[in-house]
Amino acid sequence: MRNQRHILDNTWRDYVTNNTLLERTGAPSMFTLLEHRRVRWLGHVTRMEDGSILKDLLYGELASGKRPTERPQLRFKEACIHDLKQMNIDINTWEAAAADRSVWRCKVQKGLQQFEG
């Protein structure tokens, strides 16, 4: 944000919000970039071979143990499901779409456009 403010010649004294600054530059917010990359990575891991360490970590569940009683932190898979809902991608059929890379890219791009719009 600091670099964008410098490019647009805004100082800290000019009261310009980050959202206004992002609209002027046409750049997506950091949250949008993170969601986009997280969902793309989710598709990549889904297409990996069975037995891959990353895929086992994504789909694996602990056999024993419990989480804290207060609100636990989101796990990566839960954050991805939240992102899929934000992008209007069906959480029941996303794995079938992710199996085909070109279909997955189209769905992610369309969902990102709907999310930004």
Protein backbone atom coordinates (compact mmCIF):
# COMPACT_ATOMS: atom_id res chain seq x y z
CA MET A 1 0.00 0.00 0.00
CA ARG A 2 2.90 2.31 0.74
CA ASN A 3 4.26 1.90 -2.78
CA GLN A 4 0.85 2.54 -4.31
CA ARG A 5 0.50 5.70 -2.25
CA HIS A 6 3.93 6.82 -3.43
CA ILE A 7 3.08 6.15 -7.09
CA LEU A 8 -0.16 8.14 -6.81
CA ASP A 9 1.67 10.90 -4.91
CA ASN A 10 -0.48 10.59 -1.78
CA THR A 11 1.05 11.40 1.56
CA TRP A 12 -0.12 10.20 4.96
CA ARG A 13 -1.71 13.62 5.48
CA ASP A 14 -4.08 13.04 2.56
CA TYR A 15 -6.95 11.07 4.00
CA VAL A 16 -7.28 8.37 1.36
CA THR A 17 -8.57 4.98 2.47
CA ASN A 18 -6.98 1.76 1.31
CA ASN A 19 -10.15 0.79 -0.57
CA THR A 20 -10.14 4.07 -2.48
CA LEU A 21 -6.48 3.60 -3.27
CA LEU A 22 -7.10 0.07 -4.58
CA GLU A 23 -9.96 1.33 -6.77
CA ARG A 24 -7.74 4.03 -8.27
CA THR A 25 -4.93 1.61 -9.07
CA GLY A 26 -7.21 -1.23 -10.14
CA ALA A 27 -5.24 -3.66 -8.01
CA PRO A 28 -6.97 -6.45 -6.06
CA SER A 29 -6.82 -6.42 -2.29
CA MET A 30 -4.40 -8.65 -0.42
CA PHE A 31 -7.30 -10.75 0.87
CA THR A 32 -8.42 -11.40 -2.70
CA LEU A 33 -4.92 -12.41 -3.74
CA LEU A 34 -4.59 -14.79 -0.79
CA GLU A 35 -7.97 -16.42 -1.46
CA HIS A 36 -7.13 -16.82 -5.15
CA ARG A 37 -3.79 -18.44 -4.45
CA ARG A 38 -5.17 -20.65 -1.71
CA VAL A 39 -7.93 -22.01 -3.97
CA ARG A 40 -5.52 -22.53 -6.86
CA TRP A 41 -3.16 -24.43 -4.54
CA LEU A 42 -6.10 -26.52 -3.33
CA GLY A 43 -6.76 -27.61 -6.92
CA HIS A 44 -3.09 -28.39 -7.42
CA VAL A 45 -2.93 -30.59 -4.31
CA THR A 46 -6.15 -32.35 -5.30
CA ARG A 47 -4.62 -33.36 -8.64
CA MET A 48 -1.53 -34.86 -6.96
CA GLU A 49 -1.03 -38.61 -6.79
CA ASP A 50 -2.55 -40.51 -3.89
CA GLY A 51 0.06 -41.05 -1.21
CA SER A 52 1.62 -37.62 -1.69
CA ILE A 53 2.55 -36.04 1.63
CA LEU A 54 0.69 -32.81 0.87
CA LYS A 55 -2.45 -34.64 -0.21
CA ASP A 56 -2.32 -36.86 2.86
CA LEU A 57 -2.01 -33.78 5.08
CA LEU A 58 -4.94 -32.08 3.36
CA TYR A 59 -7.30 -35.04 3.59
CA GLY A 60 -5.94 -36.61 6.76
CA GLU A 61 -7.63 -36.51 10.13
CA LEU A 62 -6.10 -37.16 13.51
CA ALA A 63 -7.05 -40.48 15.08
CA SER A 64 -6.86 -39.13 18.60
CA GLY A 65 -6.53 -35.83 20.38
CA LYS A 66 -8.81 -32.86 20.70
CA ARG A 67 -8.82 -29.20 19.92
CA PRO A 68 -9.10 -26.39 22.48
CA THR A 69 -12.54 -25.68 23.97
CA GLU A 70 -12.58 -22.02 22.97
CA ARG A 71 -12.85 -21.03 19.33
CA PRO A 72 -10.07 -22.99 17.62
CA GLN A 73 -8.03 -21.56 14.80
CA LEU A 74 -9.13 -22.43 11.30
CA ARG A 75 -7.31 -25.27 9.65
CA PHE A 76 -6.14 -24.86 6.05
CA LYS A 77 -8.96 -27.03 4.71
CA GLU A 78 -11.59 -25.00 6.57
CA ALA A 79 -10.13 -21.76 5.24
CA CYS A 80 -10.26 -23.20 1.72
CA ILE A 81 -13.90 -24.21 2.16
CA HIS A 82 -14.67 -20.67 3.29
CA ASP A 83 -12.91 -19.34 0.17
CA LEU A 84 -14.85 -21.71 -2.07
CA LYS A 85 -18.11 -20.43 -0.59
CA GLN A 86 -16.97 -16.84 -1.11
CA MET A 87 -16.28 -17.60 -4.78
CA ASN A 88 -19.64 -19.40 -5.25
CA ILE A 89 -17.96 -22.73 -6.03
CA ASP A 90 -20.02 -25.70 -4.89
CA ILE A 91 -18.25 -27.35 -1.95
CA ASN A 92 -19.75 -30.75 -2.78
CA THR A 93 -18.46 -30.93 -6.39
CA TRP A 94 -15.26 -28.89 -6.29
CA GLU A 95 -13.01 -31.96 -6.31
CA ALA A 96 -14.45 -33.18 -9.62
CA ALA A 97 -13.87 -29.74 -11.14
CA ALA A 98 -10.34 -29.55 -9.70
CA ALA A 99 -9.44 -32.86 -11.37
CA ASP A 100 -9.45 -31.06 -14.74
CA ARG A 101 -7.01 -28.15 -14.60
CA SER A 102 -8.60 -26.03 -17.33
CA VAL A 103 -12.09 -26.37 -15.83
CA TRP A 104 -10.72 -25.52 -12.39
CA ARG A 105 -8.95 -22.41 -13.67
CA CYS A 106 -12.15 -21.21 -15.34
CA LYS A 107 -14.19 -21.78 -12.17
CA VAL A 108 -11.63 -19.99 -10.02
CA GLN A 109 -11.41 -17.03 -12.40
CA LYS A 110 -15.20 -16.74 -12.62
CA GLY A 111 -15.52 -17.00 -8.85
CA LEU A 112 -12.83 -14.39 -8.35
CA GLN A 113 -14.63 -11.98 -10.68
CA GLN A 114 -17.88 -12.49 -8.79
CA PHE A 115 -16.08 -12.03 -5.48
CA GLU A 116 -14.45 -8.76 -6.57
CA GLY A 117 -17.55 -7.44 -8.34
